[in-house]
């Protein structure tokens, strides 16, 4: 029984860690569109695009078309 409790505890700790890593965000474009993302988009690319994942697909928006990126609280 002690082994089962240890495994259960480690599993719950792992799930809590994964849940804590998620940073839902909203990208607001210059034309007013709001794009919801599950994680914070990558913005440090040299090609001038903001990359994010939406519905399992990776998407890109030109940085010049992004007004703001805000974390959802």
N, C-alpha and C. Protein backbone atom coordinates (compact mmCIF):
# COMPACT_ATOMS: atom_id res chain seq x y z
N UNK A 1 0.82 -1.19 0.00
CA UNK A 1 0.00 0.00 0.00
C UNK A 1 0.87 1.25 0.00
N UNK A 2 2.00 1.21 0.68
CA UNK A 2 2.89 2.35 0.74
C UNK A 2 3.42 2.73 -0.64
N UNK A 3 3.69 1.73 -1.48
CA UNK A 3 4.19 1.98 -2.83
C UNK A 3 3.10 2.67 -3.66
N UNK A 4 1.85 2.22 -3.50
CA UNK A 4 0.74 2.83 -4.24
C UNK A 4 0.58 4.30 -3.86
N UNK A 5 0.70 4.61 -2.59
CA UNK A 5 0.57 6.00 -2.14
C UNK A 5 1.71 6.86 -2.68
N UNK A 6 2.91 6.30 -2.73
CA UNK A 6 4.05 7.03 -3.28
C UNK A 6 3.85 7.33 -4.76
N UNK A 7 3.39 6.32 -5.50
CA UNK A 7 3.14 6.51 -6.93
C UNK A 7 2.02 7.53 -7.14
N UNK A 8 0.97 7.45 -6.35
CA UNK A 8 -0.13 8.40 -6.44
C UNK A 8 0.35 9.82 -6.16
N UNK A 9 1.15 9.98 -5.12
CA UNK A 9 1.68 11.29 -4.77
C UNK A 9 2.56 11.88 -5.86
N UNK A 10 3.42 11.06 -6.43
CA UNK A 10 4.29 11.53 -7.51
C UNK A 10 3.47 11.89 -8.76
N UNK A 11 2.45 11.10 -9.04
CA UNK A 11 1.61 11.38 -10.20
C UNK A 11 0.87 12.72 -10.04
N UNK A 12 0.33 12.94 -8.86
CA UNK A 12 -0.37 14.20 -8.61
C UNK A 12 0.58 15.39 -8.66
N UNK A 13 1.78 15.22 -8.15
CA UNK A 13 2.78 16.30 -8.20
C UNK A 13 3.15 16.61 -9.65
N UNK A 14 3.29 15.58 -10.47
CA UNK A 14 3.60 15.77 -11.88
C UNK A 14 2.49 16.50 -12.62
N UNK A 15 1.25 16.13 -12.35
CA UNK A 15 0.11 16.81 -12.98
C UNK A 15 0.02 18.26 -12.55
N UNK A 16 0.28 18.53 -11.29
CA UNK A 16 0.24 19.91 -10.80
C UNK A 16 1.32 20.75 -11.46
N UNK A 17 2.48 20.15 -11.68
CA UNK A 17 3.58 20.85 -12.34
C UNK A 17 3.20 21.18 -13.78
N UNK A 18 2.62 20.22 -14.49
CA UNK A 18 2.21 20.46 -15.88
C UNK A 18 1.12 21.52 -15.96
N UNK A 19 0.19 21.49 -15.06
CA UNK A 19 -0.89 22.48 -15.07
C UNK A 19 -0.36 23.87 -14.77
N UNK A 20 0.66 23.97 -13.95
CA UNK A 20 1.25 25.25 -13.60
C UNK A 20 2.06 25.87 -14.72
N UNK A 21 2.47 25.09 -15.69
CA UNK A 21 3.29 25.60 -16.79
C UNK A 21 2.46 26.29 -17.86
N UNK A 22 1.19 26.05 -17.90
CA UNK A 22 0.33 26.63 -18.91
C UNK A 22 0.09 28.10 -18.61
N UNK A 23 0.23 28.94 -19.63
CA UNK A 23 -0.01 30.38 -19.50
C UNK A 23 -0.94 30.84 -20.61
N UNK A 24 -2.26 30.63 -20.44
CA UNK A 24 -3.18 31.08 -21.49
C UNK A 24 -3.01 32.57 -21.76
N UNK A 25 -3.06 32.93 -23.02
CA UNK A 25 -2.83 34.32 -23.42
C UNK A 25 -3.85 34.77 -24.45
N UNK A 26 -3.97 36.08 -24.59
CA UNK A 26 -4.81 36.68 -25.62
C UNK A 26 -3.92 37.59 -26.46
N UNK A 27 -3.90 37.34 -27.76
CA UNK A 27 -3.18 38.19 -28.70
C UNK A 27 -4.21 39.15 -29.30
N UNK A 28 -3.99 40.44 -29.17
CA UNK A 28 -4.87 41.43 -29.78
C UNK A 28 -4.16 42.01 -30.99
N UNK A 29 -4.79 41.91 -32.15
CA UNK A 29 -4.18 42.41 -33.39
C UNK A 29 -4.56 43.88 -33.60
N UNK A 30 -3.89 44.51 -34.54
CA UNK A 30 -4.13 45.92 -34.81
C UNK A 30 -5.53 46.19 -35.36
N UNK A 31 -6.18 45.16 -35.93
CA UNK A 31 -7.54 45.35 -36.43
C UNK A 31 -8.59 44.97 -35.38
N UNK A 32 -8.17 44.67 -34.14
CA UNK A 32 -9.09 44.42 -33.04
C UNK A 32 -9.42 42.96 -32.79
N UNK A 33 -8.92 42.06 -33.62
CA UNK A 33 -9.19 40.63 -33.43
C UNK A 33 -8.49 40.14 -32.16
N UNK A 34 -9.17 39.30 -31.38
CA UNK A 34 -8.59 38.71 -30.19
C UNK A 34 -8.42 37.22 -30.42
N UNK A 35 -7.18 36.74 -30.26
CA UNK A 35 -6.85 35.34 -30.50
C UNK A 35 -6.49 34.72 -29.16
N UNK A 36 -7.24 33.69 -28.75
CA UNK A 36 -6.96 32.98 -27.50
C UNK A 36 -5.96 31.87 -27.77
N UNK A 37 -4.94 31.76 -26.91
CA UNK A 37 -3.94 30.70 -27.03
C UNK A 37 -3.84 29.96 -25.71
N UNK A 38 -3.47 28.68 -25.76
CA UNK A 38 -3.34 27.87 -24.55
C UNK A 38 -2.06 28.20 -23.79
N UNK A 39 -1.01 28.59 -24.49
CA UNK A 39 0.28 28.93 -23.89
C UNK A 39 0.74 30.28 -24.40
N UNK A 40 1.71 30.85 -23.71
CA UNK A 40 2.27 32.14 -24.13
C UNK A 40 2.96 31.97 -25.48
N UNK A 41 2.65 32.83 -26.45
CA UNK A 41 3.27 32.73 -27.77
C UNK A 41 4.76 33.05 -27.74
N UNK A 42 5.48 32.51 -28.70
CA UNK A 42 6.90 32.83 -28.85
C UNK A 42 7.02 34.12 -29.64
N UNK A 43 7.80 35.07 -29.12
CA UNK A 43 7.94 36.36 -29.80
C UNK A 43 9.39 36.72 -30.10
N UNK A 44 10.33 35.87 -29.74
CA UNK A 44 11.74 36.22 -29.90
C UNK A 44 12.34 35.65 -31.18
N UNK A 45 11.54 35.50 -32.19
CA UNK A 45 12.02 34.97 -33.46
C UNK A 45 12.64 36.10 -34.31
N UNK A 46 13.66 35.77 -35.07
CA UNK A 46 14.32 36.75 -35.93
C UNK A 46 13.52 37.08 -37.19
N UNK A 47 12.53 36.23 -37.52
CA UNK A 47 11.80 36.45 -38.76
C UNK A 47 10.63 37.43 -38.63
N UNK A 48 10.39 37.97 -37.42
CA UNK A 48 9.37 38.99 -37.24
C UNK A 48 7.96 38.47 -37.05
N UNK A 49 7.80 37.18 -36.73
CA UNK A 49 6.49 36.60 -36.52
C UNK A 49 6.29 36.19 -35.08
N UNK A 50 5.05 36.22 -34.63
CA UNK A 50 4.65 35.69 -33.34
C UNK A 50 4.06 34.32 -33.62
N UNK A 51 4.57 33.28 -32.96
CA UNK A 51 4.09 31.93 -33.19
C UNK A 51 3.30 31.45 -31.99
N UNK A 52 2.18 30.77 -32.26
CA UNK A 52 1.35 30.22 -31.20
C UNK A 52 0.64 28.97 -31.71
N UNK A 53 0.10 28.20 -30.77
CA UNK A 53 -0.64 27.00 -31.14
C UNK A 53 -2.11 27.21 -30.80
N UNK A 54 -2.97 26.85 -31.75
CA UNK A 54 -4.41 27.00 -31.56
C UNK A 54 -5.09 25.78 -32.17
N UNK A 55 -5.87 25.08 -31.35
CA UNK A 55 -6.58 23.87 -31.80
C UNK A 55 -5.64 22.83 -32.39
N UNK A 56 -4.46 22.70 -31.80
CA UNK A 56 -3.50 21.70 -32.24
C UNK A 56 -2.69 22.08 -33.47
N UNK A 57 -2.90 23.28 -34.00
CA UNK A 57 -2.17 23.72 -35.19
C UNK A 57 -1.27 24.89 -34.82
N UNK A 58 -0.06 24.88 -35.36
CA UNK A 58 0.85 26.00 -35.13
C UNK A 58 0.53 27.12 -36.13
N UNK A 59 0.37 28.33 -35.61
CA UNK A 59 0.01 29.47 -36.45
C UNK A 59 1.00 30.60 -36.22
N UNK A 60 1.02 31.55 -37.16
CA UNK A 60 1.94 32.68 -37.09
C UNK A 60 1.22 33.96 -37.46
N UNK A 61 1.59 35.05 -36.78
CA UNK A 61 1.07 36.38 -37.08
C UNK A 61 2.27 37.31 -37.18
N UNK A 62 2.27 38.18 -38.17
CA UNK A 62 3.34 39.15 -38.31
C UNK A 62 3.36 40.06 -37.08
N UNK A 63 4.53 40.26 -36.50
CA UNK A 63 4.67 41.06 -35.28
C UNK A 63 4.13 42.48 -35.46
N UNK A 64 4.23 43.03 -36.65
CA UNK A 64 3.73 44.38 -36.90
C UNK A 64 2.21 44.46 -36.83
N UNK A 65 1.52 43.30 -36.89
CA UNK A 65 0.07 43.26 -36.81
C UNK A 65 -0.43 42.97 -35.39
N UNK A 66 0.48 42.84 -34.42
CA UNK A 66 0.11 42.52 -33.04
C UNK A 66 0.15 43.79 -32.20
N UNK A 67 -0.99 44.12 -31.59
CA UNK A 67 -1.06 45.29 -30.71
C UNK A 67 -0.58 44.91 -29.32
N UNK A 68 -1.02 43.76 -28.78
CA UNK A 68 -0.61 43.36 -27.44
C UNK A 68 -0.75 41.85 -27.27
N UNK A 69 -0.02 41.33 -26.29
CA UNK A 69 -0.12 39.95 -25.85
C UNK A 69 -0.27 40.00 -24.33
N UNK A 70 -1.40 39.50 -23.85
CA UNK A 70 -1.68 39.56 -22.42
C UNK A 70 -1.96 38.17 -21.88
N UNK A 71 -1.43 37.89 -20.71
CA UNK A 71 -1.69 36.61 -20.06
C UNK A 71 -3.08 36.67 -19.41
N UNK A 72 -3.86 35.61 -19.62
CA UNK A 72 -5.19 35.54 -19.03
C UNK A 72 -5.03 35.11 -17.58
N UNK A 73 -5.67 35.82 -16.67
CA UNK A 73 -5.53 35.51 -15.25
C UNK A 73 -6.75 34.84 -14.73
